[in-house]
Amino acid sequence: MVPPRRPWLDELRSHYSLIELASQRLDTKLVFGMRDDPEAQAQHEVVFEPDRDGNLIAFGASGTGKTTLLRTIAVASGFSDKGGPSMVYALDFAGRGLEVLEQLPNVGSVIDAADDERIRRLVKELRELVDRRAADFARCEADTIVHYRERANEPDEPRVLVLIDGLGNFASEYDAPGRYEVWDRLAWVAANGRAVGVHLVATADRVNSVGPLSPQLVPRPARLPIGLRSGLLSAGHEH
């Protein structure tokens, strides 16, 4: 006899191999988790689609896996050999949890919160990069980095991911008198980077800690449970 179909799936595992999950190996779909879909009796990959979503931000208390999410995105972006390359830059405002990323070949730099000079320089360079790419993309009539690579015959033009662990702490430092220039530049990059392949991926304890940058990061908020943790994920699209 054929045994009856089980009415439920196995529980989500505590760990997954990114090599196993990132099967498409594209920079347009970065896998960072798995989720249950009880109604469909299925389990699906959770992905960040930067050309659609623009930016990504994870909200949650300490210990909910926010830093792990950033590290996972960074590693996943290195498995994009069937798409285009990605370059990662990281600002660590939450306890040096991103230092481990420095050894990855697709990571340009990991900057500590105390290094004001390098932070200012990076944010200035990001603003200049978005400006420069906007002009280049316009000449090719490209509205995503995928289109630009094809139309300009520049297959190695990298997608840029800017990780910020502890965006609330960043806001406390730079959304302040005498430092608004850095904050304003970052907000401009968040608002205008999607179309030219520059994206922010950030963490924060709560929504109100992000301040006026929240609309740029999350134009249409959505919330997803991350496994069994209490953290909430917000992205620029609805689920």
C-alpha atoms as a PDB file:
ATOM      1  CA  MET A   1       0.000   0.000   0.000  1.00  0.00           C
ATOM      2  CA  VAL A   2       1.044   3.549  -0.673  1.00  0.00           C
ATOM      3  CA  PRO A   3       1.291   5.439   2.620  1.00  0.00           C
ATOM      4  CA  PRO A   4      -0.979   8.482   2.893  1.00  0.00           C
ATOM      5  CA  ARG A   5       0.545  11.846   2.083  1.00  0.00           C
ATOM      6  CA  ARG A   6       1.844  13.625   5.141  1.00  0.00           C
ATOM      7  CA  PRO A   7      -0.304  16.665   5.973  1.00  0.00           C
ATOM      8  CA  TRP A   8       2.755  18.746   6.831  1.00  0.00           C
ATOM      9  CA  LEU A   9       6.325  19.323   5.739  1.00  0.00           C
ATOM     10  CA  ASP A  10       9.447  18.852   7.797  1.00  0.00           C
ATOM     11  CA  GLU A  11      10.354  21.830   9.954  1.00  0.00           C
ATOM     12  CA  LEU A  12      12.726  24.368   8.466  1.00  0.00           C
ATOM     13  CA  ARG A  13      16.312  23.409   9.196  1.00  0.00           C
ATOM     14  CA  SER A  14      18.416  25.581  11.487  1.00  0.00           C
ATOM     15  CA  HIS A  15      21.109  25.893   8.792  1.00  0.00           C
ATOM     16  CA  TYR A  16      21.143  25.827   4.996  1.00  0.00           C
ATOM     17  CA  SER A  17      24.018  25.779   2.542  1.00  0.00           C
ATOM     18  CA  LEU A  18      24.121  28.872   0.354  1.00  0.00           C
ATOM     19  CA  ILE A  19      25.826  26.816  -2.324  1.00  0.00           C
ATOM     20  CA  GLU A  20      22.719  24.636  -2.328  1.00  0.00           C
ATOM     21  CA  LEU A  21      20.204  27.494  -2.218  1.00  0.00           C
ATOM     22  CA  ALA A  22      21.871  29.933  -4.617  1.00  0.00           C
ATOM     23  CA  SER A  23      21.282  27.570  -7.524  1.00  0.00           C
ATOM     24  CA  GLN A  24      20.426  30.334 -10.008  1.00  0.00           C
ATOM     25  CA  ARG A  25      23.713  32.123  -9.227  1.00  0.00           C
ATOM     26  CA  LEU A  26      22.381  35.497 -10.359  1.00  0.00           C
ATOM     27  CA  ASP A  27      22.997  38.930  -8.874  1.00  0.00           C
ATOM     28  CA  THR A  28      19.349  39.757  -9.573  1.00  0.00           C
ATOM     29  CA  LYS A  29      18.124  37.249  -6.962  1.00  0.00           C
ATOM     30  CA  LEU A  30      20.122  36.983  -3.756  1.00  0.00           C
ATOM     31  CA  VAL A  31      18.931  34.173  -1.493  1.00  0.00           C
ATOM     32  CA  PHE A  32      19.145  34.810   2.239  1.00  0.00           C
ATOM     33  CA  GLY A  33      16.653  32.431   3.851  1.00  0.00           C
ATOM     34  CA  MET A  34      13.822  29.935   3.666  1.00  0.00           C
ATOM     35  CA  ARG A  35      10.182  30.337   4.657  1.00  0.00           C
ATOM     36  CA  ASP A  36       7.196  28.084   5.185  1.00  0.00           C
ATOM     37  CA  ASP A  37       4.095  28.412   2.993  1.00  0.00           C
ATOM     38  CA  PRO A  38       1.588  26.282   4.960  1.00  0.00           C
ATOM     39  CA  GLU A  39      -1.361  26.958   2.645  1.00  0.00           C
ATOM     40  CA  ALA A  40       0.541  25.620  -0.363  1.00  0.00           C
ATOM     41  CA  GLN A  41       2.297  22.929   1.659  1.00  0.00           C
ATOM     42  CA  ALA A  42       5.613  24.254   0.391  1.00  0.00           C
ATOM     43  CA  GLN A  43       8.851  25.861   1.487  1.00  0.00           C
ATOM     44  CA  HIS A  44      10.309  28.709  -0.556  1.00  0.00           C
ATOM     45  CA  GLU A  45      13.566  30.589  -0.787  1.00  0.00           C
ATOM     46  CA  VAL A  46      13.470  34.153   0.530  1.00  0.00           C
ATOM     47  CA  VAL A  47      15.289  36.407  -1.904  1.00  0.00           C
ATOM     48  CA  PHE A  48      16.339  40.013  -2.240  1.00  0.00           C
ATOM     49  CA  GLU A  49      15.728  41.206  -5.802  1.00  0.00           C
ATOM     50  CA  PRO A  50      17.660  44.478  -5.917  1.00  0.00           C
ATOM     51  CA  ASP A  51      16.431  45.666  -9.318  1.00  0.00           C
ATOM     52  CA  ARG A  52      12.854  45.348  -8.046  1.00  0.00           C
ATOM     53  CA  ASP A  53      13.221  46.066  -4.339  1.00  0.00           C
ATOM     54  CA  GLY A  54      15.865  48.776  -4.476  1.00  0.00           C
ATOM     55  CA  ASN A  55      16.925  48.508  -0.846  1.00  0.00           C
ATOM     56  CA  LEU A  56      16.389  46.158   2.064  1.00  0.00           C
ATOM     57  CA  ILE A  57      16.181  46.747   5.802  1.00  0.00           C
ATOM     58  CA  ALA A  58      15.782  44.284   8.665  1.00  0.00           C
ATOM     59  CA  PHE A  59      14.197  45.401  11.928  1.00  0.00           C
ATOM     60  CA  GLY A  60      14.533  43.491  15.179  1.00  0.00           C
ATOM     61  CA  ALA A  61      15.949  43.410  18.674  1.00  0.00           C
ATOM     62  CA  SER A  62      19.441  42.225  19.485  1.00  0.00           C
ATOM     63  CA  GLY A  63      19.878  38.517  18.785  1.00  0.00           C
ATOM     64  CA  THR A  64      17.230  38.220  16.075  1.00  0.00           C
ATOM     65  CA  GLY A  65      19.726  37.512  13.303  1.00  0.00           C
ATOM     66  CA  LYS A  66      20.057  40.905  11.614  1.00  0.00           C
ATOM     67  CA  THR A  67      23.846  40.794  11.294  1.00  0.00           C
ATOM     68  CA  THR A  68      23.638  37.227  10.033  1.00  0.00           C
ATOM     69  CA  LEU A  69      21.261  38.423   7.320  1.00  0.00           C
ATOM     70  CA  LEU A  70      23.807  41.014   6.148  1.00  0.00           C
ATOM     71  CA  ARG A  71      26.610  38.463   6.103  1.00  0.00           C
ATOM     72  CA  THR A  72      24.404  36.065   4.150  1.00  0.00           C
ATOM     73  CA  ILE A  73      23.578  38.715   1.539  1.00  0.00           C
ATOM     74  CA  ALA A  74      27.290  39.483   1.141  1.00  0.00           C
ATOM     75  CA  VAL A  75      28.196  35.829   0.658  1.00  0.00           C
ATOM     76  CA  ALA A  76      25.246  35.205  -1.683  1.00  0.00           C
ATOM     77  CA  SER A  77      26.336  38.114  -3.877  1.00  0.00           C
ATOM     78  CA  GLY A  78      29.592  36.279  -4.487  1.00  0.00           C
ATOM     79  CA  PHE A  79      27.729  33.347  -6.077  1.00  0.00           C
ATOM     80  CA  SER A  80      26.581  35.358  -9.092  1.00  0.00           C
ATOM     81  CA  ASP A  81      28.813  33.922 -11.808  1.00  0.00           C
ATOM     82  CA  LYS A  82      25.784  33.301 -14.077  1.00  0.00           C
ATOM     83  CA  GLY A  83      24.756  36.930 -13.780  1.00  0.00           C
ATOM     84  CA  GLY A  84      27.059  39.868 -13.179  1.00  0.00           C
ATOM     85  CA  PRO A  85      29.566  40.672 -10.442  1.00  0.00           C
ATOM     86  CA  SER A  86      28.729  42.428  -7.197  1.00  0.00           C
ATOM     87  CA  MET A  87      30.913  44.607  -5.003  1.00  0.00           C
ATOM     88  CA  VAL A  88      30.141  44.961  -1.301  1.00  0.00           C
ATOM     89  CA  TYR A  89      30.990  47.806   1.075  1.00  0.00           C
ATOM     90  CA  ALA A  90      30.068  47.624   4.753  1.00  0.00           C
ATOM     91  CA  LEU A  91      29.630  50.128   7.567  1.00  0.00           C
ATOM     92  CA  ASP A  92      29.730  48.426  10.958  1.00  0.00           C
ATOM     93  CA  PHE A  93      27.774  50.339  13.600  1.00  0.00           C
ATOM     94  CA  ALA A  94      26.663  47.308  15.630  1.00  0.00           C
ATOM     95  CA  GLY A  95      29.649  45.651  17.263  1.00  0.00           C
ATOM     96  CA  ARG A  96      32.102  44.485  14.580  1.00  0.00           C
ATOM     97  CA  GLY A  97      29.900  41.655  13.367  1.00  0.00           C
ATOM     98  CA  LEU A  98      30.838  42.340   9.746  1.00  0.00           C
ATOM     99  CA  GLU A  99      34.631  42.121  10.118  1.00  0.00           C
ATOM    100  CA  VAL A 100      34.555  38.514   8.949  1.00  0.00           C
ATOM    101  CA  LEU A 101      33.479  39.723   5.495  1.00  0.00           C
ATOM    102  CA  GLU A 102      36.837  41.395   4.822  1.00  0.00           C
ATOM    103  CA  GLN A 103      38.304  38.121   3.571  1.00  0.00           C
ATOM    104  CA  LEU A 104      35.733  37.772   0.775  1.00  0.00           C
ATOM    105  CA  PRO A 105      36.999  38.685  -2.706  1.00  0.00           C
ATOM    106  CA  ASN A 106      33.876  40.708  -3.555  1.00  0.00           C
ATOM    107  CA  VAL A 107      34.111  42.910  -0.439  1.00  0.00           C
ATOM    108  CA  GLY A 108      35.821  46.234  -1.034  1.00  0.00           C
ATOM    109  CA  SER A 109      35.963  47.411   2.573  1.00  0.00           C
ATOM    110  CA  VAL A 110      34.437  47.014   6.020  1.00  0.00           C
ATOM    111  CA  ILE A 111      34.555  50.333   7.869  1.00  0.00           C
ATOM    112  CA  ASP A 112      34.213  50.647  11.632  1.00  0.00           C
ATOM    113  CA  ALA A 113      31.854  53.222  13.124  1.00  0.00           C
ATOM    114  CA  ALA A 114      34.777  55.134  14.642  1.00  0.00           C
ATOM    115  CA  ASP A 115      36.470  55.782  11.285  1.00  0.00           C
ATOM    116  CA  ASP A 116      34.732  59.028  10.378  1.00  0.00           C
ATOM    117  CA  GLU A 117      37.127  59.936   7.557  1.00  0.00           C
ATOM    118  CA  ARG A 118      36.636  56.674   5.657  1.00  0.00           C
ATOM    119  CA  ILE A 119      32.867  56.787   6.189  1.00  0.00           C
ATOM    120  CA  ARG A 120      32.671  60.288   4.753  1.00  0.00           C
ATOM    121  CA  ARG A 121      34.844  59.315   1.807  1.00  0.00           C
ATOM    122  CA  LEU A 122      32.810  56.199   1.017  1.00  0.00           C
ATOM    123  CA  VAL A 123      29.459  58.010   1.138  1.00  0.00           C
ATOM    124  CA  LYS A 124      30.851  60.805  -1.060  1.00  0.00           C
ATOM    125  CA  GLU A 125      32.162  58.241  -3.576  1.00  0.00           C
ATOM    126  CA  LEU A 126      28.803  56.449  -3.609  1.00  0.00           C
ATOM    127  CA  ARG A 127      27.003  59.697  -4.417  1.00  0.00           C
ATOM    128  CA  GLU A 128      29.485  60.377  -7.231  1.00  0.00           C
ATOM    129  CA  LEU A 129      29.087  56.817  -8.523  1.00  0.00           C
ATOM    130  CA  VAL A 130      25.298  57.161  -8.720  1.00  0.00           C
ATOM    131  CA  ASP A 131      25.655  60.495 -10.553  1.00  0.00           C
ATOM    132  CA  ARG A 132      28.162  59.065 -13.021  1.00  0.00           C
ATOM    133  CA  ARG A 133      26.150  55.945 -13.680  1.00  0.00           C
ATOM    134  CA  ALA A 134      22.937  57.925 -14.144  1.00  0.00           C
ATOM    135  CA  ALA A 135      24.549  59.733 -17.072  1.00  0.00           C
ATOM    136  CA  ASP A 136      26.047  56.539 -18.524  1.00  0.00           C
ATOM    137  CA  PHE A 137      22.800  54.594 -18.193  1.00  0.00           C
ATOM    138  CA  ALA A 138      20.807  57.419 -19.787  1.00  0.00           C
ATOM    139  CA  ARG A 139      23.041  57.360 -22.851  1.00  0.00           C
ATOM    140  CA  CYS A 140      22.296  53.642 -23.253  1.00  0.00           C
ATOM    141  CA  GLU A 141      18.610  54.024 -22.355  1.00  0.00           C
ATOM    142  CA  ALA A 142      19.131  51.457 -19.598  1.00  0.00           C
ATOM    143  CA  ASP A 143      16.935  51.417 -16.497  1.00  0.00           C
ATOM    144  CA  THR A 144      18.729  48.623 -14.613  1.00  0.00           C
ATOM    145  CA  ILE A 145      22.309  47.486 -14.364  1.00  0.00           C
ATOM    146  CA  VAL A 146      21.379  44.306 -16.252  1.00  0.00           C
ATOM    147  CA  HIS A 147      20.227  46.392 -19.222  1.00  0.00           C
ATOM    148  CA  TYR A 148      23.327  48.572 -19.008  1.00  0.00           C
ATOM    149  CA  ARG A 149      25.688  45.597 -19.086  1.00  0.00           C
ATOM    150  CA  GLU A 150      23.981  44.331 -22.220  1.00  0.00           C
ATOM    151  CA  ARG A 151      23.589  47.618 -24.089  1.00  0.00           C
ATOM    152  CA  ALA A 152      26.990  49.088 -23.225  1.00  0.00           C
ATOM    153  CA  ASN A 153      28.785  45.746 -23.629  1.00  0.00           C
ATOM    154  CA  GLU A 154      30.057  46.066 -20.062  1.00  0.00           C
ATOM    155  CA  PRO A 155      29.357  42.609 -18.574  1.00  0.00           C
ATOM    156  CA  ASP A 156      31.750  43.190 -15.673  1.00  0.00           C
ATOM    157  CA  GLU A 157      30.137  46.397 -14.396  1.00  0.00           C
ATOM    158  CA  PRO A 158      29.483  45.485 -10.744  1.00  0.00           C
ATOM    159  CA  ARG A 159      26.304  45.840  -8.792  1.00  0.00           C
ATOM    160  CA  VAL A 160      27.151  47.697  -5.575  1.00  0.00           C
ATOM    161  CA  LEU A 161      25.706  46.615  -2.227  1.00  0.00           C
ATOM    162  CA  VAL A 162      26.203  48.898   0.773  1.00  0.00           C
ATOM    163  CA  LEU A 163      25.670  47.073   4.061  1.00  0.00           C
ATOM    164  CA  ILE A 164      24.965  49.123   7.188  1.00  0.00           C
ATOM    165  CA  ASP A 165      24.722  47.181  10.417  1.00  0.00           C
ATOM    166  CA  GLY A 166      23.059  49.470  12.950  1.00  0.00           C
ATOM    167  CA  LEU A 167      21.424  52.156  10.827  1.00  0.00           C
ATOM    168  CA  GLY A 168      19.915  53.730  13.929  1.00  0.00           C
ATOM    169  CA  ASN A 169      23.403  54.272  15.362  1.00  0.00           C
ATOM    170  CA  PHE A 170      24.535  55.679  12.017  1.00  0.00           C
ATOM    171  CA  ALA A 171      21.594  58.096  12.131  1.00  0.00           C
ATOM    172  CA  SER A 172      22.504  59.196  15.649  1.00  0.00           C
ATOM    173  CA  GLU A 173      26.005  60.077  14.447  1.00  0.00           C
ATOM    174  CA  TYR A 174      25.263  61.703  11.102  1.00  0.00           C
ATOM    175  CA  ASP A 175      21.695  63.016  11.223  1.00  0.00           C
ATOM    176  CA  ALA A 176      23.026  65.756  13.478  1.00  0.00           C
ATOM    177  CA  PRO A 177      24.208  69.372  13.271  1.00  0.00           C
ATOM    178  CA  GLY A 178      27.505  69.656  11.431  1.00  0.00           C
ATOM    179  CA  ARG A 179      27.145  66.176   9.941  1.00  0.00           C
ATOM    180  CA  TYR A 180      23.994  66.416   7.850  1.00  0.00           C
ATOM    181  CA  GLU A 181      25.992  66.289   4.616  1.00  0.00           C
ATOM    182  CA  VAL A 182      26.861  62.615   5.113  1.00  0.00           C
ATOM    183  CA  TRP A 183      23.285  61.708   6.020  1.00  0.00           C
ATOM    184  CA  ASP A 184      21.828  63.657   3.095  1.00  0.00           C
ATOM    185  CA  ARG A 185      24.193  61.989   0.637  1.00  0.00           C
ATOM    186  CA  LEU A 186      23.293  58.546   1.923  1.00  0.00           C
ATOM    187  CA  ALA A 187      19.578  59.346   1.677  1.00  0.00           C
ATOM    188  CA  TRP A 188      20.098  60.502  -1.909  1.00  0.00           C
ATOM    189  CA  VAL A 189      21.921  57.261  -2.770  1.00  0.00           C
ATOM    190  CA  ALA A 190      19.094  55.254  -1.188  1.00  0.00           C
ATOM    191  CA  ALA A 191      16.481  57.147  -3.195  1.00  0.00           C
ATOM    192  CA  ASN A 192      18.281  57.089  -6.560  1.00  0.00           C
ATOM    193  CA  GLY A 193      20.560  54.068  -6.540  1.00  0.00           C
ATOM    194  CA  ARG A 194      18.186  51.295  -7.588  1.00  0.00           C
ATOM    195  CA  ALA A 195      18.055  52.254 -11.267  1.00  0.00           C
ATOM    196  CA  VAL A 196      21.859  52.271 -11.532  1.00  0.00           C
ATOM    197  CA  GLY A 197      22.673  49.162  -9.507  1.00  0.00           C
ATOM    198  CA  VAL A 198      23.555  50.717  -6.134  1.00  0.00           C
ATOM    199  CA  HIS A 199      21.607  49.354  -3.167  1.00  0.00           C
ATOM    200  CA  LEU A 200      21.503  49.733   0.609  1.00  0.00           C
ATOM    201  CA  VAL A 201      21.000  46.691   2.833  1.00  0.00           C
ATOM    202  CA  ALA A 202      20.675  47.766   6.450  1.00  0.00           C
ATOM    203  CA  THR A 203      19.589  46.747   9.934  1.00  0.00           C
ATOM    204  CA  ALA A 204      17.897  48.692  12.717  1.00  0.00           C
ATOM    205  CA  ASP A 205      16.288  47.954  16.060  1.00  0.00           C
ATOM    206  CA  ARG A 206      13.026  49.697  15.194  1.00  0.00           C
ATOM    207  CA  VAL A 207      11.422  51.720  12.434  1.00  0.00           C
ATOM    208  CA  ASN A 208      11.521  55.099  14.171  1.00  0.00           C
ATOM    209  CA  SER A 209      15.292  54.842  14.690  1.00  0.00           C
ATOM    210  CA  VAL A 210      15.801  55.197  10.933  1.00  0.00           C
ATOM    211  CA  GLY A 211      14.142  58.605  10.825  1.00  0.00           C
ATOM    212  CA  PRO A 212      13.571  60.353   7.485  1.00  0.00           C
ATOM    213  CA  LEU A 213      15.630  57.759   5.598  1.00  0.00           C
ATOM    214  CA  SER A 214      12.921  55.121   6.054  1.00  0.00           C
ATOM    215  CA  PRO A 215      10.801  56.115   2.991  1.00  0.00           C
ATOM    216  CA  GLN A 216      13.857  55.807   0.730  1.00  0.00           C
ATOM    217  CA  LEU A 217      14.790  52.425   2.160  1.00  0.00           C
ATOM    218  CA  VAL A 218      11.282  51.017   2.340  1.00  0.00           C
ATOM    219  CA  PRO A 219       8.942  52.745  -0.135  1.00  0.00           C
ATOM    220  CA  ARG A 220       6.263  50.048   0.288  1.00  0.00           C
ATOM    221  CA  PRO A 221       6.960  48.215   3.544  1.00  0.00           C
ATOM    222  CA  ALA A 222       6.384  44.485   3.867  1.00  0.00           C
ATOM    223  CA  ARG A 223       7.016  42.252   6.828  1.00  0.00           C
ATOM    224  CA  LEU A 224       8.234  38.696   6.818  1.00  0.00           C
ATOM    225  CA  PRO A 225       9.057  36.451   9.762  1.00  0.00           C
ATOM    226  CA  ILE A 226      12.665  35.293   9.704  1.00  0.00           C
ATOM    227  CA  GLY A 227      12.362  31.608  10.605  1.00  0.00           C
ATOM    228  CA  LEU A 228      11.261  31.278  14.221  1.00  0.00           C
ATOM    229  CA  ARG A 229      12.923  34.484  15.289  1.00  0.00           C
ATOM    230  CA  SER A 230      11.087  37.593  16.441  1.00  0.00           C
ATOM    231  CA  GLY A 231      12.740  39.917  13.946  1.00  0.00           C
ATOM    232  CA  LEU A 232      10.824  41.522  11.112  1.00  0.00           C
ATOM    233  CA  LEU A 233      12.103  42.055   7.622  1.00  0.00           C
ATOM    234  CA  SER A 234      11.022  45.014   5.539  1.00  0.00           C
ATOM    235  CA  ALA A 235      11.624  45.306   1.830  1.00  0.00           C
ATOM    236  CA  GLY A 236      10.512  47.648  -0.917  1.00  0.00           C
ATOM    237  CA  HIS A 237       7.745  45.361  -2.160  1.00  0.00           C
ATOM    238  CA  GLU A 238       4.631  43.619  -0.931  1.00  0.00           C
ATOM    239  CA  HIS A 239       4.259  39.929  -0.131  1.00  0.00           C
END
